[in-house]
Amino acid sequence: MNTTMPENIIDDLRQTLHESINAKILQSSDHFFKQGEQAKVYGVRMYDVGKIAKEFYKKVSVLPKAEIFALCGTLWQSGYLEEAVIACECAYSLKAQYEPEDFEVFEYWLSTHVDNWASCDTLCNHSIGTLIEQYPQYLSRLKAWTASENRWVRRGAAVTLIIPAKKGLFFQDILDIATTLLHDRDDLVQKGYGWMLKAASEAYREKVFDFVICHKATMPRTALRYAIEKMPADMRAEAMKK
């Protein structure tokens, strides 16, 4: 099979994104990010980005995984949120082909290109989370991210386990990560591990509650509120007592 792609496939994708710009989305996009942390965007609705991603993947799916990952790398380099989401969608579409060494690729994207919570969560929730489920020997590498100076890598350590947490997987590792990040001063890292604990509470409500009660004296309120969000009212009230 001839898998040669037209040289302008990325240019064609970017032209499609430009043609899909929605003025209202462009104007409102900053509302989803804190001042000074806004993502670079075209201003395309995420629903439309999803459709564009599917069409792009159809075109490139004939290529070997390494070549698709290289195209994803090009998209990440642009700095645009929509291109990052498309790169993540393409990478996730290859989940049946994941190999252990793909962890290095995803780690590089996270540490080098991610600069906002939206692209962090899209990459970690799906591609990296799935790879960790497939190759749990990388949990030790994931936990090492908690010591990174990069806020997105630290957040990534937690949000990678959101979907596995909902399945009741890796609970002790989740507690290990939450414990290490417990006093992190970055609110987006706090929200990340709080979200992870909230997801884990679906399968281990009492144990997550016990963890929160044990640490509530020093646990940032931002993380605490996230962690208890799905608990019954009486448990939330107990956890919020000072």
C-alpha atoms as a PDB file:
ATOM      1  CA  MET A   1       0.000   0.000   0.000  1.00  0.00           C
ATOM      2  CA  ASN A   2       1.236   3.486  -0.814  1.00  0.00           C
ATOM      3  CA  THR A   3       1.000   5.437   2.415  1.00  0.00           C
ATOM      4  CA  THR A   4       2.508   8.679   1.114  1.00  0.00           C
ATOM      5  CA  MET A   5       0.430  11.647   2.258  1.00  0.00           C
ATOM      6  CA  PRO A   6       0.172  14.977   0.485  1.00  0.00           C
ATOM      7  CA  GLU A   7       2.706  17.426   1.877  1.00  0.00           C
ATOM      8  CA  ASN A   8       0.016  20.002   2.520  1.00  0.00           C
ATOM      9  CA  ILE A   9      -2.191  17.868   4.765  1.00  0.00           C
ATOM     10  CA  ILE A  10      -1.434  20.038   7.808  1.00  0.00           C
ATOM     11  CA  ASP A  11      -2.003  23.194   5.758  1.00  0.00           C
ATOM     12  CA  ASP A  12      -5.356  21.809   4.623  1.00  0.00           C
ATOM     13  CA  LEU A  13      -6.312  21.069   8.218  1.00  0.00           C
ATOM     14  CA  ARG A  14      -5.408  24.580   9.321  1.00  0.00           C
ATOM     15  CA  GLN A  15      -7.382  26.041   6.439  1.00  0.00           C
ATOM     16  CA  THR A  16     -10.405  24.042   7.614  1.00  0.00           C
ATOM     17  CA  LEU A  17      -9.937  25.380  11.137  1.00  0.00           C
ATOM     18  CA  HIS A  18      -9.735  28.950   9.847  1.00  0.00           C
ATOM     19  CA  GLU A  19     -12.917  28.419   7.862  1.00  0.00           C
ATOM     20  CA  SER A  20     -14.660  27.078  10.981  1.00  0.00           C
ATOM     21  CA  ILE A  21     -13.905  30.038  13.264  1.00  0.00           C
ATOM     22  CA  ASN A  22     -16.939  31.137  15.256  1.00  0.00           C
ATOM     23  CA  ALA A  23     -16.767  34.769  16.353  1.00  0.00           C
ATOM     24  CA  LYS A  24     -18.791  34.150  19.534  1.00  0.00           C
ATOM     25  CA  ILE A  25     -16.581  31.242  20.549  1.00  0.00           C
ATOM     26  CA  LEU A  26     -13.482  33.318  19.911  1.00  0.00           C
ATOM     27  CA  GLN A  27     -14.801  36.164  22.072  1.00  0.00           C
ATOM     28  CA  SER A  28     -15.873  33.907  24.932  1.00  0.00           C
ATOM     29  CA  SER A  29     -12.902  31.537  24.984  1.00  0.00           C
ATOM     30  CA  ASP A  30     -11.004  33.540  27.607  1.00  0.00           C
ATOM     31  CA  HIS A  31     -13.820  32.960  30.109  1.00  0.00           C
ATOM     32  CA  PHE A  32     -12.652  29.385  30.568  1.00  0.00           C
ATOM     33  CA  PHE A  33      -9.149  30.380  31.673  1.00  0.00           C
ATOM     34  CA  LYS A  34      -7.762  32.557  34.436  1.00  0.00           C
ATOM     35  CA  GLN A  35      -6.308  35.926  33.578  1.00  0.00           C
ATOM     36  CA  GLY A  36      -2.850  35.442  32.118  1.00  0.00           C
ATOM     37  CA  GLU A  37      -3.439  31.723  31.480  1.00  0.00           C
ATOM     38  CA  GLN A  38      -5.597  31.931  28.375  1.00  0.00           C
ATOM     39  CA  ALA A  39      -5.063  29.276  25.732  1.00  0.00           C
ATOM     40  CA  LYS A  40      -4.159  30.257  22.189  1.00  0.00           C
ATOM     41  CA  VAL A  41      -7.236  29.456  20.106  1.00  0.00           C
ATOM     42  CA  TYR A  42      -8.671  29.791  16.618  1.00  0.00           C
ATOM     43  CA  GLY A  43     -12.160  30.075  18.069  1.00  0.00           C
ATOM     44  CA  VAL A  44     -13.734  26.864  16.753  1.00  0.00           C
ATOM     45  CA  ARG A  45     -16.505  25.082  18.652  1.00  0.00           C
ATOM     46  CA  MET A  46     -15.210  21.906  20.291  1.00  0.00           C
ATOM     47  CA  TYR A  47     -18.039  19.954  18.632  1.00  0.00           C
ATOM     48  CA  ASP A  48     -16.698  21.089  15.260  1.00  0.00           C
ATOM     49  CA  VAL A  49     -13.115  20.388  16.313  1.00  0.00           C
ATOM     50  CA  GLY A  50     -14.183  16.830  17.066  1.00  0.00           C
ATOM     51  CA  LYS A  51     -15.663  16.407  13.601  1.00  0.00           C
ATOM     52  CA  ILE A  52     -12.582  17.923  11.969  1.00  0.00           C
ATOM     53  CA  ALA A  53     -10.389  15.573  14.020  1.00  0.00           C
ATOM     54  CA  LYS A  54     -12.342  12.539  12.794  1.00  0.00           C
ATOM     55  CA  GLU A  55     -11.958  13.592   9.163  1.00  0.00           C
ATOM     56  CA  PHE A  56      -8.258  14.271   9.648  1.00  0.00           C
ATOM     57  CA  TYR A  57      -7.722  10.880  11.233  1.00  0.00           C
ATOM     58  CA  LYS A  58      -9.497   9.156   8.355  1.00  0.00           C
ATOM     59  CA  LYS A  59      -6.955  10.692   5.990  1.00  0.00           C
ATOM     60  CA  VAL A  60      -3.887   9.788   8.046  1.00  0.00           C
ATOM     61  CA  SER A  61      -5.016   6.415   9.407  1.00  0.00           C
ATOM     62  CA  VAL A  62      -3.277   4.591   6.529  1.00  0.00           C
ATOM     63  CA  LEU A  63       0.073   5.760   7.873  1.00  0.00           C
ATOM     64  CA  PRO A  64       2.246   3.892  10.378  1.00  0.00           C
ATOM     65  CA  LYS A  65       1.719   4.970  13.981  1.00  0.00           C
ATOM     66  CA  ALA A  66       5.123   6.670  14.152  1.00  0.00           C
ATOM     67  CA  GLU A  67       4.242   8.907  11.203  1.00  0.00           C
ATOM     68  CA  ILE A  68       0.871   9.802  12.689  1.00  0.00           C
ATOM     69  CA  PHE A  69       2.579  10.673  15.973  1.00  0.00           C
ATOM     70  CA  ALA A  70       5.006  12.865  14.009  1.00  0.00           C
ATOM     71  CA  LEU A  71       2.037  14.726  12.489  1.00  0.00           C
ATOM     72  CA  CYS A  72       0.586  15.069  15.979  1.00  0.00           C
ATOM     73  CA  GLY A  73       3.885  16.567  17.094  1.00  0.00           C
ATOM     74  CA  THR A  74       3.611  19.167  14.340  1.00  0.00           C
ATOM     75  CA  LEU A  75       0.122  20.057  15.536  1.00  0.00           C
ATOM     76  CA  TRP A  76       1.319  20.416  19.130  1.00  0.00           C
ATOM     77  CA  GLN A  77       4.080  22.782  18.021  1.00  0.00           C
ATOM     78  CA  SER A  78       1.539  25.327  16.758  1.00  0.00           C
ATOM     79  CA  GLY A  79       0.434  26.165  20.286  1.00  0.00           C
ATOM     80  CA  TYR A  80      -3.243  26.258  19.278  1.00  0.00           C
ATOM     81  CA  LEU A  81      -5.692  24.479  21.568  1.00  0.00           C
ATOM     82  CA  GLU A  82      -7.738  23.146  18.661  1.00  0.00           C
ATOM     83  CA  GLU A  83      -4.669  21.597  17.045  1.00  0.00           C
ATOM     84  CA  ALA A  84      -3.661  20.060  20.390  1.00  0.00           C
ATOM     85  CA  VAL A  85      -7.123  18.525  20.728  1.00  0.00           C
ATOM     86  CA  ILE A  86      -6.892  17.082  17.217  1.00  0.00           C
ATOM     87  CA  ALA A  87      -3.457  15.656  18.035  1.00  0.00           C
ATOM     88  CA  CYS A  88      -4.921  14.064  21.178  1.00  0.00           C
ATOM     89  CA  GLU A  89      -7.881  12.627  19.277  1.00  0.00           C
ATOM     90  CA  CYS A  90      -5.572  11.092  16.684  1.00  0.00           C
ATOM     91  CA  ALA A  91      -3.304   9.636  19.336  1.00  0.00           C
ATOM     92  CA  TYR A  92      -6.266   8.183  21.206  1.00  0.00           C
ATOM     93  CA  SER A  93      -7.624   6.645  18.004  1.00  0.00           C
ATOM     94  CA  LEU A  94      -4.430   4.564  17.936  1.00  0.00           C
ATOM     95  CA  LYS A  95      -4.967   3.114  21.420  1.00  0.00           C
ATOM     96  CA  ALA A  96      -5.189  -0.447  20.079  1.00  0.00           C
ATOM     97  CA  GLN A  97      -1.624  -0.008  18.811  1.00  0.00           C
ATOM     98  CA  TYR A  98      -0.114   1.466  21.989  1.00  0.00           C
ATOM     99  CA  GLU A  99       3.250   0.073  23.058  1.00  0.00           C
ATOM    100  CA  PRO A 100       5.202   0.760  26.269  1.00  0.00           C
ATOM    101  CA  GLU A 101       7.601   3.165  24.540  1.00  0.00           C
ATOM    102  CA  ASP A 102       4.688   5.425  23.618  1.00  0.00           C
ATOM    103  CA  PHE A 103       4.802   6.668  27.203  1.00  0.00           C
ATOM    104  CA  GLU A 104       7.939   8.591  26.243  1.00  0.00           C
ATOM    105  CA  VAL A 105       6.108  10.288  23.354  1.00  0.00           C
ATOM    106  CA  PHE A 106       3.173  11.333  25.507  1.00  0.00           C
ATOM    107  CA  GLU A 107       5.433  12.482  28.327  1.00  0.00           C
ATOM    108  CA  TYR A 108       7.348  14.662  25.874  1.00  0.00           C
ATOM    109  CA  TRP A 109       4.157  16.260  24.555  1.00  0.00           C
ATOM    110  CA  LEU A 110       2.978  16.976  28.097  1.00  0.00           C
ATOM    111  CA  SER A 111       6.246  18.414  29.381  1.00  0.00           C
ATOM    112  CA  THR A 112       7.137  20.363  26.238  1.00  0.00           C
ATOM    113  CA  HIS A 113       3.926  21.546  24.582  1.00  0.00           C
ATOM    114  CA  VAL A 114       1.081  21.638  27.100  1.00  0.00           C
ATOM    115  CA  ASP A 115       0.474  25.143  28.430  1.00  0.00           C
ATOM    116  CA  ASN A 116      -3.137  25.100  29.638  1.00  0.00           C
ATOM    117  CA  TRP A 117      -5.463  22.869  31.660  1.00  0.00           C
ATOM    118  CA  ALA A 118      -7.649  21.954  28.673  1.00  0.00           C
ATOM    119  CA  SER A 119      -4.903  20.376  26.564  1.00  0.00           C
ATOM    120  CA  CYS A 120      -3.398  18.805  29.707  1.00  0.00           C
ATOM    121  CA  ASP A 121      -6.660  17.086  30.578  1.00  0.00           C
ATOM    122  CA  THR A 122      -7.458  16.019  27.022  1.00  0.00           C
ATOM    123  CA  LEU A 123      -4.091  14.315  26.629  1.00  0.00           C
ATOM    124  CA  CYS A 124      -3.930  12.793  30.102  1.00  0.00           C
ATOM    125  CA  ASN A 125      -7.534  11.669  30.573  1.00  0.00           C
ATOM    126  CA  HIS A 126      -7.577   9.636  27.395  1.00  0.00           C
ATOM    127  CA  SER A 127      -4.278   8.735  25.750  1.00  0.00           C
ATOM    128  CA  ILE A 128      -2.037   8.581  28.820  1.00  0.00           C
ATOM    129  CA  GLY A 129      -4.729   7.140  31.074  1.00  0.00           C
ATOM    130  CA  THR A 130      -5.417   4.359  28.578  1.00  0.00           C
ATOM    131  CA  LEU A 131      -1.728   3.589  28.178  1.00  0.00           C
ATOM    132  CA  ILE A 132      -1.331   3.348  31.964  1.00  0.00           C
ATOM    133  CA  GLU A 133      -4.216   0.878  32.096  1.00  0.00           C
ATOM    134  CA  GLN A 134      -2.504  -1.177  29.401  1.00  0.00           C
ATOM    135  CA  TYR A 135       0.974  -0.915  30.914  1.00  0.00           C
ATOM    136  CA  PRO A 136       0.619  -0.309  34.662  1.00  0.00           C
ATOM    137  CA  GLN A 137       4.374  -0.724  35.101  1.00  0.00           C
ATOM    138  CA  TYR A 138       4.514   2.976  34.160  1.00  0.00           C
ATOM    139  CA  LEU A 139       2.662   3.998  37.314  1.00  0.00           C
ATOM    140  CA  SER A 140       6.026   4.586  38.979  1.00  0.00           C
ATOM    141  CA  ARG A 141       6.972   7.014  36.198  1.00  0.00           C
ATOM    142  CA  LEU A 142       3.596   8.692  36.522  1.00  0.00           C
ATOM    143  CA  LYS A 143       4.088   9.157  40.257  1.00  0.00           C
ATOM    144  CA  ALA A 144       7.501  10.693  39.607  1.00  0.00           C
ATOM    145  CA  TRP A 145       5.724  13.502  37.749  1.00  0.00           C
ATOM    146  CA  THR A 146       4.515  14.831  41.100  1.00  0.00           C
ATOM    147  CA  ALA A 147       8.032  16.192  41.708  1.00  0.00           C
ATOM    148  CA  SER A 148       8.189  18.107  38.428  1.00  0.00           C
ATOM    149  CA  GLU A 149       8.656  21.870  38.364  1.00  0.00           C
ATOM    150  CA  ASN A 150       6.172  21.930  35.477  1.00  0.00           C
ATOM    151  CA  ARG A 151       2.656  22.519  36.836  1.00  0.00           C
ATOM    152  CA  TRP A 152       1.072  20.642  33.910  1.00  0.00           C
ATOM    153  CA  VAL A 153       3.194  17.570  34.512  1.00  0.00           C
ATOM    154  CA  ARG A 154       2.185  17.597  38.196  1.00  0.00           C
ATOM    155  CA  ARG A 155      -1.477  18.042  37.286  1.00  0.00           C
ATOM    156  CA  GLY A 156      -1.022  15.315  34.681  1.00  0.00           C
ATOM    157  CA  ALA A 157       0.091  12.860  37.367  1.00  0.00           C
ATOM    158  CA  ALA A 158      -3.386  13.163  38.885  1.00  0.00           C
ATOM    159  CA  VAL A 159      -5.740  13.664  35.945  1.00  0.00           C
ATOM    160  CA  THR A 160      -4.220  10.715  34.064  1.00  0.00           C
ATOM    161  CA  LEU A 161      -5.933   8.466  36.613  1.00  0.00           C
ATOM    162  CA  ILE A 162      -9.414  10.023  36.415  1.00  0.00           C
ATOM    163  CA  ILE A 163     -10.950   7.353  34.182  1.00  0.00           C
ATOM    164  CA  PRO A 164      -9.092   4.435  35.802  1.00  0.00           C
ATOM    165  CA  ALA A 165     -10.256   5.801  39.182  1.00  0.00           C
ATOM    166  CA  LYS A 166     -13.883   5.619  38.094  1.00  0.00           C
ATOM    167  CA  LYS A 167     -13.289   1.952  37.292  1.00  0.00           C
ATOM    168  CA  GLY A 168     -11.902   1.300  40.748  1.00  0.00           C
ATOM    169  CA  LEU A 169      -8.357   0.852  39.461  1.00  0.00           C
ATOM    170  CA  PHE A 170      -5.036   1.839  41.041  1.00  0.00           C
ATOM    171  CA  PHE A 171      -6.552   3.110  44.279  1.00  0.00           C
ATOM    172  CA  GLN A 172      -3.374   2.920  46.354  1.00  0.00           C
ATOM    173  CA  ASP A 173      -1.471   4.745  43.613  1.00  0.00           C
ATOM    174  CA  ILE A 174      -4.179   7.408  43.617  1.00  0.00           C
ATOM    175  CA  LEU A 175      -3.721   7.914  47.359  1.00  0.00           C
ATOM    176  CA  ASP A 176       0.054   8.032  46.886  1.00  0.00           C
ATOM    177  CA  ILE A 177      -0.279  10.780  44.271  1.00  0.00           C
ATOM    178  CA  ALA A 178      -2.807  12.736  46.341  1.00  0.00           C
ATOM    179  CA  THR A 179      -0.539  12.515  49.372  1.00  0.00           C
ATOM    180  CA  THR A 180       2.480  13.766  47.456  1.00  0.00           C
ATOM    181  CA  LEU A 181       0.521  16.638  45.903  1.00  0.00           C
ATOM    182  CA  LEU A 182      -1.430  17.374  49.093  1.00  0.00           C
ATOM    183  CA  HIS A 183       0.176  20.750  49.813  1.00  0.00           C
ATOM    184  CA  ASP A 184       0.970  21.800  46.253  1.00  0.00           C
ATOM    185  CA  ARG A 185       0.478  25.562  46.057  1.00  0.00           C
ATOM    186  CA  ASP A 186      -0.782  25.611  42.471  1.00  0.00           C
ATOM    187  CA  ASP A 187      -4.588  25.749  42.431  1.00  0.00           C
ATOM    188  CA  LEU A 188      -4.789  23.878  39.120  1.00  0.00           C
ATOM    189  CA  VAL A 189      -2.744  21.041  40.598  1.00  0.00           C
ATOM    190  CA  GLN A 190      -4.994  21.085  43.666  1.00  0.00           C
ATOM    191  CA  LYS A 191      -8.071  20.882  41.443  1.00  0.00           C
ATOM    192  CA  GLY A 192      -6.434  18.061  39.487  1.00  0.00           C
ATOM    193  CA  TYR A 193      -5.812  15.787  42.458  1.00  0.00           C
ATOM    194  CA  GLY A 194      -9.142  16.754  44.017  1.00  0.00           C
ATOM    195  CA  TRP A 195     -10.844  15.680  40.791  1.00  0.00           C
ATOM    196  CA  MET A 196      -8.895  12.406  40.889  1.00  0.00           C
ATOM    197  CA  LEU A 197     -10.107  11.747  44.440  1.00  0.00           C
ATOM    198  CA  LYS A 198     -13.678  12.604  43.443  1.00  0.00           C
ATOM    199  CA  ALA A 199     -13.466  10.039  40.634  1.00  0.00           C
ATOM    200  CA  ALA A 200     -12.040   7.458  43.040  1.00  0.00           C
ATOM    201  CA  SER A 201     -14.886   8.119  45.477  1.00  0.00           C
ATOM    202  CA  GLU A 202     -17.296   6.504  43.017  1.00  0.00           C
ATOM    203  CA  ALA A 203     -15.764   3.117  43.881  1.00  0.00           C
ATOM    204  CA  TYR A 204     -14.140   3.893  47.260  1.00  0.00           C
ATOM    205  CA  ARG A 205     -16.323   6.538  48.882  1.00  0.00           C
ATOM    206  CA  GLU A 206     -15.582   5.618  52.503  1.00  0.00           C
ATOM    207  CA  LYS A 207     -11.854   5.323  51.934  1.00  0.00           C
ATOM    208  CA  VAL A 208     -11.665   8.661  50.101  1.00  0.00           C
ATOM    209  CA  PHE A 209     -13.733  10.221  52.885  1.00  0.00           C
ATOM    210  CA  ASP A 210     -11.337   8.812  55.475  1.00  0.00           C
ATOM    211  CA  PHE A 211      -8.397  10.245  53.519  1.00  0.00           C
ATOM    212  CA  VAL A 212     -10.020  13.681  53.403  1.00  0.00           C
ATOM    213  CA  ILE A 213     -10.888  13.625  57.122  1.00  0.00           C
ATOM    214  CA  CYS A 214      -7.340  12.568  57.969  1.00  0.00           C
ATOM    215  CA  HIS A 215      -5.824  15.445  56.011  1.00  0.00           C
ATOM    216  CA  LYS A 216      -8.497  18.154  56.109  1.00  0.00           C
ATOM    217  CA  ALA A 217      -6.611  20.299  58.619  1.00  0.00           C
ATOM    218  CA  THR A 218      -3.929  21.063  56.024  1.00  0.00           C
ATOM    219  CA  MET A 219      -5.546  20.034  52.737  1.00  0.00           C
ATOM    220  CA  PRO A 220      -6.242  23.065  50.513  1.00  0.00           C
ATOM    221  CA  ARG A 221      -9.973  23.823  50.505  1.00  0.00           C
ATOM    222  CA  THR A 222      -9.972  23.852  46.706  1.00  0.00           C
ATOM    223  CA  ALA A 223      -8.843  20.219  46.574  1.00  0.00           C
ATOM    224  CA  LEU A 224     -11.100  19.222  49.453  1.00  0.00           C
ATOM    225  CA  ARG A 225     -14.227  20.620  47.804  1.00  0.00           C
ATOM    226  CA  TYR A 226     -13.479  18.780  44.583  1.00  0.00           C
ATOM    227  CA  ALA A 227     -12.807  15.506  46.413  1.00  0.00           C
ATOM    228  CA  ILE A 228     -16.114  15.447  48.303  1.00  0.00           C
ATOM    229  CA  GLU A 229     -18.342  16.801  45.549  1.00  0.00           C
ATOM    230  CA  LYS A 230     -20.141  13.480  44.882  1.00  0.00           C
ATOM    231  CA  MET A 231     -20.507  12.455  48.521  1.00  0.00           C
ATOM    232  CA  PRO A 232     -23.789  12.641  50.467  1.00  0.00           C
ATOM    233  CA  ALA A 233     -24.615  15.946  52.148  1.00  0.00           C
ATOM    234  CA  ASP A 234     -23.819  14.711  55.666  1.00  0.00           C
ATOM    235  CA  MET A 235     -20.356  13.517  54.628  1.00  0.00           C
ATOM    236  CA  ARG A 236     -19.660  16.790  52.810  1.00  0.00           C
ATOM    237  CA  ALA A 237     -20.709  18.779  55.877  1.00  0.00           C
ATOM    238  CA  GLU A 238     -18.446  16.709  58.120  1.00  0.00           C
ATOM    239  CA  ALA A 239     -15.510  17.133  55.773  1.00  0.00           C
ATOM    240  CA  MET A 240     -16.020  20.903  55.575  1.00  0.00           C
ATOM    241  CA  LYS A 241     -16.069  21.414  59.346  1.00  0.00           C
ATOM    242  CA  LYS A 242     -13.084  23.381  60.594  1.00  0.00           C
END
